[in-house]
């Protein structure tokens, strides 16, 4: 996994990252965006366009947000590897940790 979306995205979902992603690996849950760990090519184009500083390279995740690495990966457990977010559209749910979090 190259890049990870964290809690600053919850209930924001600006989508600037989606517009910038050349491989369409950023998927939309109900409350936040998620980067597919197998589809991301580590280009880094999503990180600087995020208006709320929610995207970090996995190796640069702040300690208090480290749990978002597994959250992003686990989100795709049921979906698998669809080969692009535009193919599936909005997913309709979030990882349980995100769905249950307070804003």
PDB file of N, CA and C in Angstrom:
ATOM      1  N   UNK A   1       0.850  -1.176   0.000  1.00  0.00           N
ATOM      2  CA  UNK A   1       0.000   0.000   0.000  1.00  0.00           C
ATOM      3  C   UNK A   1       0.889   1.230   0.000  1.00  0.00           C
ATOM      4  N   UNK A   2       0.548   2.165  -0.819  1.00  0.00           N
ATOM      5  CA  UNK A   2       1.346   3.370  -0.921  1.00  0.00           C
ATOM      6  C   UNK A   2       0.751   4.538  -0.125  1.00  0.00           C
ATOM      7  N   UNK A   3      -0.471   4.921  -0.435  1.00  0.00           N
ATOM      8  CA  UNK A   3      -1.098   6.053   0.233  1.00  0.00           C
ATOM      9  C   UNK A   3      -2.338   5.622   0.994  1.00  0.00           C
ATOM     10  N   UNK A   4      -2.654   6.389   2.043  1.00  0.00           N
ATOM     11  CA  UNK A   4      -3.737   6.046   2.967  1.00  0.00           C
ATOM     12  C   UNK A   4      -4.561   7.297   3.244  1.00  0.00           C
ATOM     13  N   UNK A   5      -5.872   7.139   3.270  1.00  0.00           N
ATOM     14  CA  UNK A   5      -6.775   8.230   3.662  1.00  0.00           C
ATOM     15  C   UNK A   5      -7.059   8.074   5.151  1.00  0.00           C
ATOM     16  N   UNK A   6      -7.058   9.183   5.889  1.00  0.00           N
ATOM     17  CA  UNK A   6      -7.250   9.149   7.336  1.00  0.00           C
ATOM     18  C   UNK A   6      -8.517   9.908   7.749  1.00  0.00           C
ATOM     19  N   UNK A   7      -8.667  10.082   9.031  1.00  0.00           N
ATOM     20  CA  UNK A   7      -9.886  10.622   9.637  1.00  0.00           C
ATOM     21  C   UNK A   7     -10.267  12.038   9.237  1.00  0.00           C
ATOM     22  N   UNK A   8      -9.352  12.825   8.749  1.00  0.00           N
ATOM     23  CA  UNK A   8      -9.706  14.189   8.348  1.00  0.00           C
ATOM     24  C   UNK A   8     -10.689  14.195   7.169  1.00  0.00           C
ATOM     25  N   UNK A   9     -10.774  13.072   6.471  1.00  0.00           N
ATOM     26  CA  UNK A   9     -11.681  12.951   5.325  1.00  0.00           C
ATOM     27  C   UNK A   9     -13.110  12.598   5.745  1.00  0.00           C
ATOM     28  N   UNK A  10     -13.289  12.098   6.946  1.00  0.00           N
ATOM     29  CA  UNK A  10     -14.615  11.660   7.387  1.00  0.00           C
ATOM     30  C   UNK A  10     -15.601  12.831   7.302  1.00  0.00           C
ATOM     31  N   UNK A  11     -16.661  12.610   6.588  1.00  0.00           N
ATOM     32  CA  UNK A  11     -17.738  13.572   6.361  1.00  0.00           C
ATOM     33  C   UNK A  11     -17.315  14.804   5.561  1.00  0.00           C
ATOM     34  N   UNK A  12     -16.174  14.735   4.884  1.00  0.00           N
ATOM     35  CA  UNK A  12     -15.732  15.825   4.019  1.00  0.00           C
ATOM     36  C   UNK A  12     -15.820  15.387   2.556  1.00  0.00           C
ATOM     37  N   UNK A  13     -15.127  14.347   2.191  1.00  0.00           N
ATOM     38  CA  UNK A  13     -15.126  13.768   0.846  1.00  0.00           C
ATOM     39  C   UNK A  13     -15.083  14.819  -0.264  1.00  0.00           C
ATOM     40  N   UNK A  14     -14.068  15.631  -0.250  1.00  0.00           N
ATOM     41  CA  UNK A  14     -13.890  16.703  -1.225  1.00  0.00           C
ATOM     42  C   UNK A  14     -13.760  16.190  -2.663  1.00  0.00           C
ATOM     43  N   UNK A  15     -13.161  15.035  -2.859  1.00  0.00           N
ATOM     44  CA  UNK A  15     -12.983  14.375  -4.156  1.00  0.00           C
ATOM     45  C   UNK A  15     -11.908  14.979  -5.035  1.00  0.00           C
ATOM     46  N   UNK A  16     -11.154  15.960  -4.546  1.00  0.00           N
ATOM     47  CA  UNK A  16     -10.025  16.478  -5.322  1.00  0.00           C
ATOM     48  C   UNK A  16      -9.030  15.369  -5.614  1.00  0.00           C
ATOM     49  N   UNK A  17      -8.871  14.471  -4.671  1.00  0.00           N
ATOM     50  CA  UNK A  17      -7.951  13.349  -4.842  1.00  0.00           C
ATOM     51  C   UNK A  17      -8.405  12.436  -5.979  1.00  0.00           C
ATOM     52  N   UNK A  18      -9.701  12.219  -6.083  1.00  0.00           N
ATOM     53  CA  UNK A  18     -10.261  11.360  -7.131  1.00  0.00           C
ATOM     54  C   UNK A  18      -9.976  11.973  -8.496  1.00  0.00           C
ATOM     55  N   UNK A  19     -10.156  13.271  -8.606  1.00  0.00           N
ATOM     56  CA  UNK A  19      -9.916  13.967  -9.874  1.00  0.00           C
ATOM     57  C   UNK A  19      -8.455  13.851 -10.289  1.00  0.00           C
ATOM     58  N   UNK A  20      -7.554  13.815  -9.339  1.00  0.00           N
ATOM     59  CA  UNK A  20      -6.121  13.807  -9.612  1.00  0.00           C
ATOM     60  C   UNK A  20      -5.551  12.408  -9.844  1.00  0.00           C
ATOM     61  N   UNK A  21      -6.199  11.386  -9.366  1.00  0.00           N
ATOM     62  CA  UNK A  21      -5.669  10.016  -9.423  1.00  0.00           C
ATOM     63  C   UNK A  21      -5.644   9.481 -10.857  1.00  0.00           C
ATOM     64  N   UNK A  22      -4.455   9.126 -11.372  1.00  0.00           N
ATOM     65  CA  UNK A  22      -4.373   8.637 -12.747  1.00  0.00           C
ATOM     66  C   UNK A  22      -4.806   7.183 -12.930  1.00  0.00           C
ATOM     67  N   UNK A  23      -4.948   6.430 -11.845  1.00  0.00           N
ATOM     68  CA  UNK A  23      -5.312   5.013 -11.970  1.00  0.00           C
ATOM     69  C   UNK A  23      -6.675   4.686 -11.372  1.00  0.00           C
ATOM     70  N   UNK A  24      -7.408   5.676 -10.924  1.00  0.00           N
ATOM     71  CA  UNK A  24      -8.780   5.479 -10.431  1.00  0.00           C
ATOM     72  C   UNK A  24      -8.846   4.498  -9.260  1.00  0.00           C
ATOM     73  N   UNK A  25      -7.940   4.672  -8.287  1.00  0.00           N
ATOM     74  CA  UNK A  25      -7.875   3.743  -7.148  1.00  0.00           C
ATOM     75  C   UNK A  25      -8.463   4.303  -5.859  1.00  0.00           C
ATOM     76  N   UNK A  26      -9.137   5.452  -5.924  1.00  0.00           N
ATOM     77  CA  UNK A  26      -9.708   6.061  -4.732  1.00  0.00           C
ATOM     78  C   UNK A  26     -11.221   5.872  -4.760  1.00  0.00           C
ATOM     79  N   UNK A  27     -11.707   5.109  -3.807  1.00  0.00           N
ATOM     80  CA  UNK A  27     -13.109   4.701  -3.758  1.00  0.00           C
ATOM     81  C   UNK A  27     -13.861   5.497  -2.695  1.00  0.00           C
ATOM     82  N   UNK A  28     -15.148   5.681  -2.913  1.00  0.00           N
ATOM     83  CA  UNK A  28     -15.978   6.482  -2.020  1.00  0.00           C
ATOM     84  C   UNK A  28     -16.876   5.599  -1.164  1.00  0.00           C
ATOM     85  N   UNK A  29     -16.661   5.682   0.151  1.00  0.00           N
ATOM     86  CA  UNK A  29     -17.567   5.048   1.092  1.00  0.00           C
ATOM     87  C   UNK A  29     -18.653   6.042   1.452  1.00  0.00           C
ATOM     88  N   UNK A  30     -19.445   5.740   2.460  1.00  0.00           N
ATOM     89  CA  UNK A  30     -20.489   6.679   2.878  1.00  0.00           C
ATOM     90  C   UNK A  30     -19.919   7.945   3.502  1.00  0.00           C
ATOM     91  N   UNK A  31     -18.872   7.793   4.335  1.00  0.00           N
ATOM     92  CA  UNK A  31     -18.369   8.940   5.096  1.00  0.00           C
ATOM     93  C   UNK A  31     -16.958   9.378   4.728  1.00  0.00           C
ATOM     94  N   UNK A  32     -16.198   8.544   4.012  1.00  0.00           N
ATOM     95  CA  UNK A  32     -14.848   8.941   3.619  1.00  0.00           C
ATOM     96  C   UNK A  32     -14.395   8.200   2.381  1.00  0.00           C
ATOM     97  N   UNK A  33     -13.275   8.625   1.837  1.00  0.00           N
ATOM     98  CA  UNK A  33     -12.671   8.001   0.673  1.00  0.00           C
ATOM     99  C   UNK A  33     -11.664   6.955   1.155  1.00  0.00           C
ATOM    100  N   UNK A  34     -11.369   5.974   0.308  1.00  0.00           N
ATOM    101  CA  UNK A  34     -10.417   4.910   0.624  1.00  0.00           C
ATOM    102  C   UNK A  34      -9.533   4.660  -0.590  1.00  0.00           C
ATOM    103  N   UNK A  35      -8.242   4.455  -0.362  1.00  0.00           N
ATOM    104  CA  UNK A  35      -7.313   4.154  -1.447  1.00  0.00           C
ATOM    105  C   UNK A  35      -7.075   2.652  -1.479  1.00  0.00           C
ATOM    106  N   UNK A  36      -7.311   2.050  -2.644  1.00  0.00           N
ATOM    107  CA  UNK A  36      -7.132   0.601  -2.789  1.00  0.00           C
ATOM    108  C   UNK A  36      -5.638   0.283  -2.735  1.00  0.00           C
ATOM    109  N   UNK A  37      -5.205  -0.544  -1.783  1.00  0.00           N
ATOM    110  CA  UNK A  37      -3.778  -0.815  -1.598  1.00  0.00           C
ATOM    111  C   UNK A  37      -3.113  -1.528  -2.766  1.00  0.00           C
ATOM    112  N   UNK A  38      -3.858  -2.296  -3.537  1.00  0.00           N
ATOM    113  CA  UNK A  38      -3.269  -3.024  -4.663  1.00  0.00           C
ATOM    114  C   UNK A  38      -3.339  -2.247  -5.975  1.00  0.00           C
ATOM    115  N   UNK A  39      -4.215  -1.288  -6.045  1.00  0.00           N
ATOM    116  CA  UNK A  39      -4.371  -0.515  -7.280  1.00  0.00           C
ATOM    117  C   UNK A  39      -3.544   0.767  -7.284  1.00  0.00           C
ATOM    118  N   UNK A  40      -3.195   1.280  -6.128  1.00  0.00           N
ATOM    119  CA  UNK A  40      -2.398   2.505  -6.026  1.00  0.00           C
ATOM    120  C   UNK A  40      -0.996   2.261  -6.588  1.00  0.00           C
ATOM    121  N   UNK A  41      -0.533   3.182  -7.437  1.00  0.00           N
ATOM    122  CA  UNK A  41       0.787   3.050  -8.050  1.00  0.00           C
ATOM    123  C   UNK A  41       1.829   3.958  -7.390  1.00  0.00           C
ATOM    124  N   UNK A  42       1.485   4.517  -6.233  1.00  0.00           N
ATOM    125  CA  UNK A  42       2.438   5.310  -5.455  1.00  0.00           C
ATOM    126  C   UNK A  42       2.916   6.572  -6.181  1.00  0.00           C
ATOM    127  N   UNK A  43       2.036   7.186  -6.973  1.00  0.00           N
ATOM    128  CA  UNK A  43       2.440   8.383  -7.714  1.00  0.00           C
ATOM    129  C   UNK A  43       2.471   9.624  -6.827  1.00  0.00           C
ATOM    130  N   UNK A  44       1.643   9.649  -5.777  1.00  0.00           N
ATOM    131  CA  UNK A  44       1.630  10.773  -4.848  1.00  0.00           C
ATOM    132  C   UNK A  44       0.832  11.974  -5.298  1.00  0.00           C
ATOM    133  N   UNK A  45       0.141  11.899  -6.411  1.00  0.00           N
ATOM    134  CA  UNK A  45      -0.596  13.062  -6.908  1.00  0.00           C
ATOM    135  C   UNK A  45      -1.784  13.430  -6.032  1.00  0.00           C
ATOM    136  N   UNK A  46      -2.328  12.474  -5.296  1.00  0.00           N
ATOM    137  CA  UNK A  46      -3.495  12.728  -4.446  1.00  0.00           C
ATOM    138  C   UNK A  46      -3.151  13.536  -3.189  1.00  0.00           C
ATOM    139  N   UNK A  47      -1.992  13.316  -2.664  1.00  0.00           N
ATOM    140  CA  UNK A  47      -1.619  13.915  -1.375  1.00  0.00           C
ATOM    141  C   UNK A  47      -1.652  15.449  -1.374  1.00  0.00           C
ATOM    142  N   UNK A  48      -0.996  16.129  -2.307  1.00  0.00           N
ATOM    143  CA  UNK A  48      -0.982  17.600  -2.227  1.00  0.00           C
ATOM    144  C   UNK A  48      -2.311  18.275  -2.547  1.00  0.00           C
ATOM    145  N   UNK A  49      -3.232  17.585  -3.222  1.00  0.00           N
ATOM    146  CA  UNK A  49      -4.508  18.228  -3.558  1.00  0.00           C
ATOM    147  C   UNK A  49      -5.570  18.064  -2.480  1.00  0.00           C
ATOM    148  N   UNK A  50      -5.307  17.240  -1.488  1.00  0.00           N
ATOM    149  CA  UNK A  50      -6.273  17.033  -0.408  1.00  0.00           C
ATOM    150  C   UNK A  50      -6.376  18.310   0.436  1.00  0.00           C
ATOM    151  N   UNK A  51      -7.550  18.943   0.475  1.00  0.00           N
ATOM    152  CA  UNK A  51      -7.682  20.216   1.187  1.00  0.00           C
ATOM    153  C   UNK A  51      -7.667  20.096   2.705  1.00  0.00           C
ATOM    154  N   UNK A  52      -7.827  18.877   3.227  1.00  0.00           N
ATOM    155  CA  UNK A  52      -7.878  18.710   4.683  1.00  0.00           C
ATOM    156  C   UNK A  52      -6.693  17.902   5.221  1.00  0.00           C
ATOM    157  N   UNK A  53      -5.670  17.685   4.412  1.00  0.00           N
ATOM    158  CA  UNK A  53      -4.477  16.938   4.795  1.00  0.00           C
ATOM    159  C   UNK A  53      -4.845  15.601   5.418  1.00  0.00           C
ATOM    160  N   UNK A  54      -5.583  14.822   4.667  1.00  0.00           N
ATOM    161  CA  UNK A  54      -6.035  13.519   5.127  1.00  0.00           C
ATOM    162  C   UNK A  54      -5.253  12.371   4.507  1.00  0.00           C
ATOM    163  N   UNK A  55      -4.499  12.626   3.454  1.00  0.00           N
ATOM    164  CA  UNK A  55      -3.793  11.567   2.734  1.00  0.00           C
ATOM    165  C   UNK A  55      -2.312  11.593   3.095  1.00  0.00           C
ATOM    166  N   UNK A  56      -1.815  10.409   3.460  1.00  0.00           N
ATOM    167  CA  UNK A  56      -0.412  10.249   3.827  1.00  0.00           C
ATOM    168  C   UNK A  56       0.155   9.006   3.152  1.00  0.00           C
ATOM    169  N   UNK A  57       1.437   9.046   2.860  1.00  0.00           N
ATOM    170  CA  UNK A  57       2.096   7.815   2.439  1.00  0.00           C
ATOM    171  C   UNK A  57       2.099   6.897   3.652  1.00  0.00           C
ATOM    172  N   UNK A  58       1.934   5.610   3.440  1.00  0.00           N
ATOM    173  CA  UNK A  58       1.859   4.656   4.551  1.00  0.00           C
ATOM    174  C   UNK A  58       3.039   4.804   5.502  1.00  0.00           C
ATOM    175  N   UNK A  59       4.207   5.010   4.973  1.00  0.00           N
ATOM    176  CA  UNK A  59       5.409   5.142   5.808  1.00  0.00           C
ATOM    177  C   UNK A  59       5.446   6.449   6.596  1.00  0.00           C
ATOM    178  N   UNK A  60       4.646   7.422   6.198  1.00  0.00           N
ATOM    179  CA  UNK A  60       4.630   8.735   6.851  1.00  0.00           C
ATOM    180  C   UNK A  60       3.409   8.975   7.718  1.00  0.00           C
ATOM    181  N   UNK A  61       2.601   7.938   7.928  1.00  0.00           N
ATOM    182  CA  UNK A  61       1.406   8.110   8.762  1.00  0.00           C
ATOM    183  C   UNK A  61       1.792   8.543  10.171  1.00  0.00           C
ATOM    184  N   UNK A  62       1.183   9.597  10.686  1.00  0.00           N
ATOM    185  CA  UNK A  62       1.435   9.971  12.076  1.00  0.00           C
ATOM    186  C   UNK A  62       1.006   8.831  13.006  1.00  0.00           C
ATOM    187  N   UNK A  63       1.668   8.681  14.111  1.00  0.00           N
ATOM    188  CA  UNK A  63       1.397   7.574  15.041  1.00  0.00           C
ATOM    189  C   UNK A  63      -0.076   7.502  15.440  1.00  0.00           C
ATOM    190  N   UNK A  64      -0.702   8.646  15.678  1.00  0.00           N
ATOM    191  CA  UNK A  64      -2.106   8.655  16.109  1.00  0.00           C
ATOM    192  C   UNK A  64      -3.065   8.275  14.989  1.00  0.00           C
ATOM    193  N   UNK A  65      -2.561   8.170  13.765  1.00  0.00           N
ATOM    194  CA  UNK A  65      -3.406   7.771  12.628  1.00  0.00           C
ATOM    195  C   UNK A  65      -2.945   6.459  11.991  1.00  0.00           C
ATOM    196  N   UNK A  66      -2.018   5.778  12.611  1.00  0.00           N
ATOM    197  CA  UNK A  66      -1.453   4.544  12.052  1.00  0.00           C
ATOM    198  C   UNK A  66      -2.513   3.477  11.795  1.00  0.00           C
ATOM    199  N   UNK A  67      -3.571   3.469  12.579  1.00  0.00           N
ATOM    200  CA  UNK A  67      -4.622   2.460  12.403  1.00  0.00           C
ATOM    201  C   UNK A  67      -5.389   2.632  11.084  1.00  0.00           C
ATOM    202  N   UNK A  68      -5.207   3.746  10.393  1.00  0.00           N
ATOM    203  CA  UNK A  68      -5.886   3.936   9.117  1.00  0.00           C
ATOM    204  C   UNK A  68      -5.238   3.149   7.981  1.00  0.00           C
ATOM    205  N   UNK A  69      -4.020   2.678   8.154  1.00  0.00           N
ATOM    206  CA  UNK A  69      -3.422   1.787   7.161  1.00  0.00           C
ATOM    207  C   UNK A  69      -4.256   0.525   7.033  1.00  0.00           C
ATOM    208  N   UNK A  70      -4.456  -0.213   8.139  1.00  0.00           N
ATOM    209  CA  UNK A  70      -5.318  -1.401   8.072  1.00  0.00           C
ATOM    210  C   UNK A  70      -6.769  -1.077   7.717  1.00  0.00           C
ATOM    211  N   UNK A  71      -7.280   0.055   8.156  1.00  0.00           N
ATOM    212  CA  UNK A  71      -8.665   0.416   7.838  1.00  0.00           C
ATOM    213  C   UNK A  71      -8.839   0.527   6.326  1.00  0.00           C
ATOM    214  N   UNK A  72      -7.907   1.208   5.641  1.00  0.00           N
ATOM    215  CA  UNK A  72      -8.003   1.329   4.184  1.00  0.00           C
ATOM    216  C   UNK A  72      -7.916  -0.036   3.517  1.00  0.00           C
ATOM    217  N   UNK A  73      -7.010  -0.887   3.958  1.00  0.00           N
ATOM    218  CA  UNK A  73      -6.859  -2.217   3.356  1.00  0.00           C
ATOM    219  C   UNK A  73      -8.071  -3.105   3.623  1.00  0.00           C
ATOM    220  N   UNK A  74      -8.560  -3.105   4.848  1.00  0.00           N
ATOM    221  CA  UNK A  74      -9.687  -3.962   5.230  1.00  0.00           C
ATOM    222  C   UNK A  74     -10.986  -3.550   4.550  1.00  0.00           C
ATOM    223  N   UNK A  75     -11.114  -2.286   4.211  1.00  0.00           N
ATOM    224  CA  UNK A  75     -12.310  -1.800   3.527  1.00  0.00           C
ATOM    225  C   UNK A  75     -12.569  -2.589   2.241  1.00  0.00           C
ATOM    226  N   UNK A  76     -11.500  -3.033   1.593  1.00  0.00           N
ATOM    227  CA  UNK A  76     -11.628  -3.731   0.318  1.00  0.00           C
ATOM    228  C   UNK A  76     -11.767  -5.237   0.454  1.00  0.00           C
ATOM    229  N   UNK A  77     -11.895  -5.742   1.681  1.00  0.00           N
ATOM    230  CA  UNK A  77     -12.044  -7.171   1.907  1.00  0.00           C
ATOM    231  C   UNK A  77     -13.227  -7.783   1.180  1.00  0.00           C
ATOM    232  N   UNK A  78     -14.372  -7.124   1.225  1.00  0.00           N
ATOM    233  CA  UNK A  78     -15.574  -7.643   0.569  1.00  0.00           C
ATOM    234  C   UNK A  78     -15.624  -7.281  -0.918  1.00  0.00           C
ATOM    235  N   UNK A  79     -15.073  -6.157  -1.270  1.00  0.00           N
ATOM    236  CA  UNK A  79     -15.156  -5.663  -2.638  1.00  0.00           C
ATOM    237  C   UNK A  79     -14.140  -6.355  -3.548  1.00  0.00           C
ATOM    238  N   UNK A  80     -13.004  -6.702  -2.975  1.00  0.00           N
ATOM    239  CA  UNK A  80     -11.940  -7.295  -3.765  1.00  0.00           C
ATOM    240  C   UNK A  80     -11.189  -6.244  -4.545  1.00  0.00           C
ATOM    241  N   UNK A  81     -10.869  -6.575  -5.769  1.00  0.00           N
ATOM    242  CA  UNK A  81     -10.102  -5.677  -6.630  1.00  0.00           C
ATOM    243  C   UNK A  81     -10.895  -5.419  -7.913  1.00  0.00           C
ATOM    244  N   UNK A  82     -11.809  -4.452  -7.870  1.00  0.00           N
ATOM    245  CA  UNK A  82     -12.683  -4.225  -9.021  1.00  0.00           C
ATOM    246  C   UNK A  82     -12.002  -3.589 -10.228  1.00  0.00           C
ATOM    247  N   UNK A  83     -10.806  -3.033 -10.050  1.00  0.00           N
ATOM    248  CA  UNK A  83     -10.101  -2.458 -11.191  1.00  0.00           C
ATOM    249  C   UNK A  83     -10.496  -1.031 -11.524  1.00  0.00           C
ATOM    250  N   UNK A  84     -10.935  -0.292 -10.552  1.00  0.00           N
ATOM    251  CA  UNK A  84     -11.263   1.115 -10.769  1.00  0.00           C
ATOM    252  C   UNK A  84     -12.534   1.537 -10.076  1.00  0.00           C
ATOM    253  N   UNK A  85     -12.451   2.675  -9.418  1.00  0.00           N
ATOM    254  CA  UNK A  85     -13.579   3.186  -8.639  1.00  0.00           C
ATOM    255  C   UNK A  85     -14.763   3.577  -9.521  1.00  0.00           C
ATOM    256  N   UNK A  86     -14.507   4.099 -10.699  1.00  0.00           N
ATOM    257  CA  UNK A  86     -15.608   4.529 -11.568  1.00  0.00           C
ATOM    258  C   UNK A  86     -16.481   3.355 -12.001  1.00  0.00           C
ATOM    259  N   UNK A  87     -15.898   2.161 -12.049  1.00  0.00           N
ATOM    260  CA  UNK A  87     -16.657   0.974 -12.447  1.00  0.00           C
ATOM    261  C   UNK A  87     -17.728   0.606 -11.430  1.00  0.00           C
ATOM    262  N   UNK A  88     -17.433   0.865 -10.141  1.00  0.00           N
ATOM    263  CA  UNK A  88     -18.368   0.448  -9.090  1.00  0.00           C
ATOM    264  C   UNK A  88     -19.155   1.598  -8.484  1.00  0.00           C
ATOM    265  N   UNK A  89     -18.699   2.823  -8.655  1.00  0.00           N
ATOM    266  CA  UNK A  89     -19.389   3.974  -8.069  1.00  0.00           C
ATOM    267  C   UNK A  89     -19.262   4.002  -6.552  1.00  0.00           C
ATOM    268  N   UNK A  90     -20.125   4.764  -5.928  1.00  0.00           N
ATOM    269  CA  UNK A  90     -20.116   4.876  -4.467  1.00  0.00           C
ATOM    270  C   UNK A  90     -20.385   3.496  -3.857  1.00  0.00           C
ATOM    271  N   UNK A  91     -19.584   3.114  -2.878  1.00  0.00           N
ATOM    272  CA  UNK A  91     -19.664   1.775  -2.295  1.00  0.00           C
ATOM    273  C   UNK A  91     -20.906   1.591  -1.428  1.00  0.00           C
ATOM    274  N   UNK A  92     -21.302   2.599  -0.674  1.00  0.00           N
ATOM    275  CA  UNK A  92     -22.528   2.491   0.115  1.00  0.00           C
ATOM    276  C   UNK A  92     -22.333   2.093   1.558  1.00  0.00           C
ATOM    277  N   UNK A  93     -21.102   1.907   1.976  1.00  0.00           N
ATOM    278  CA  UNK A  93     -20.809   1.623   3.387  1.00  0.00           C
ATOM    279  C   UNK A  93     -19.371   2.041   3.683  1.00  0.00           C
ATOM    280  N   UNK A  94     -18.994   1.971   4.935  1.00  0.00           N
ATOM    281  CA  UNK A  94     -17.641   2.305   5.372  1.00  0.00           C
ATOM    282  C   UNK A  94     -17.068   1.159   6.178  1.00  0.00           C
ATOM    283  N   UNK A  95     -15.792   1.239   6.454  1.00  0.00           N
ATOM    284  CA  UNK A  95     -15.167   0.317   7.399  1.00  0.00           C
ATOM    285  C   UNK A  95     -15.881   0.539   8.734  1.00  0.00           C
ATOM    286  N   UNK A  96     -16.110  -0.509   9.514  1.00  0.00           N
ATOM    287  CA  UNK A  96     -16.829  -0.336  10.799  1.00  0.00           C
ATOM    288  C   UNK A  96     -16.238   0.742  11.710  1.00  0.00           C
ATOM    289  N   UNK A  97     -14.930   0.887  11.742  1.00  0.00           N
ATOM    290  CA  UNK A  97     -14.305   1.905  12.593  1.00  0.00           C
ATOM    291  C   UNK A  97     -14.680   3.320  12.160  1.00  0.00           C
ATOM    292  N   UNK A  98     -14.872   3.503  10.884  1.00  0.00           N
ATOM    293  CA  UNK A  98     -15.274   4.812  10.351  1.00  0.00           C
ATOM    294  C   UNK A  98     -16.772   5.008  10.533  1.00  0.00           C
ATOM    295  N   UNK A  99     -17.548   3.988  10.237  1.00  0.00           N
ATOM    296  CA  UNK A  99     -19.002   4.075  10.351  1.00  0.00           C
ATOM    297  C   UNK A  99     -19.447   4.399  11.778  1.00  0.00           C
ATOM    298  N   UNK A 100     -18.714   3.892  12.742  1.00  0.00           N
ATOM    299  CA  UNK A 100     -19.080   4.076  14.143  1.00  0.00           C
ATOM    300  C   UNK A 100     -18.424   5.279  14.800  1.00  0.00           C
ATOM    301  N   UNK A 101     -17.516   5.958  14.077  1.00  0.00           N
ATOM    302  CA  UNK A 101     -16.808   7.078  14.697  1.00  0.00           C
ATOM    303  C   UNK A 101     -17.682   8.317  14.783  1.00  0.00           C
ATOM    304  N   UNK A 102     -17.411   9.113  15.785  1.00  0.00           N
ATOM    305  CA  UNK A 102     -18.102  10.395  15.940  1.00  0.00           C
ATOM    306  C   UNK A 102     -17.359  11.423  15.108  1.00  0.00           C
ATOM    307  N   UNK A 103     -18.052  12.429  14.677  1.00  0.00           N
ATOM    308  CA  UNK A 103     -17.408  13.473  13.887  1.00  0.00           C
ATOM    309  C   UNK A 103     -16.922  14.595  14.741  1.00  0.00           C
TER     310      UNK A 103
END
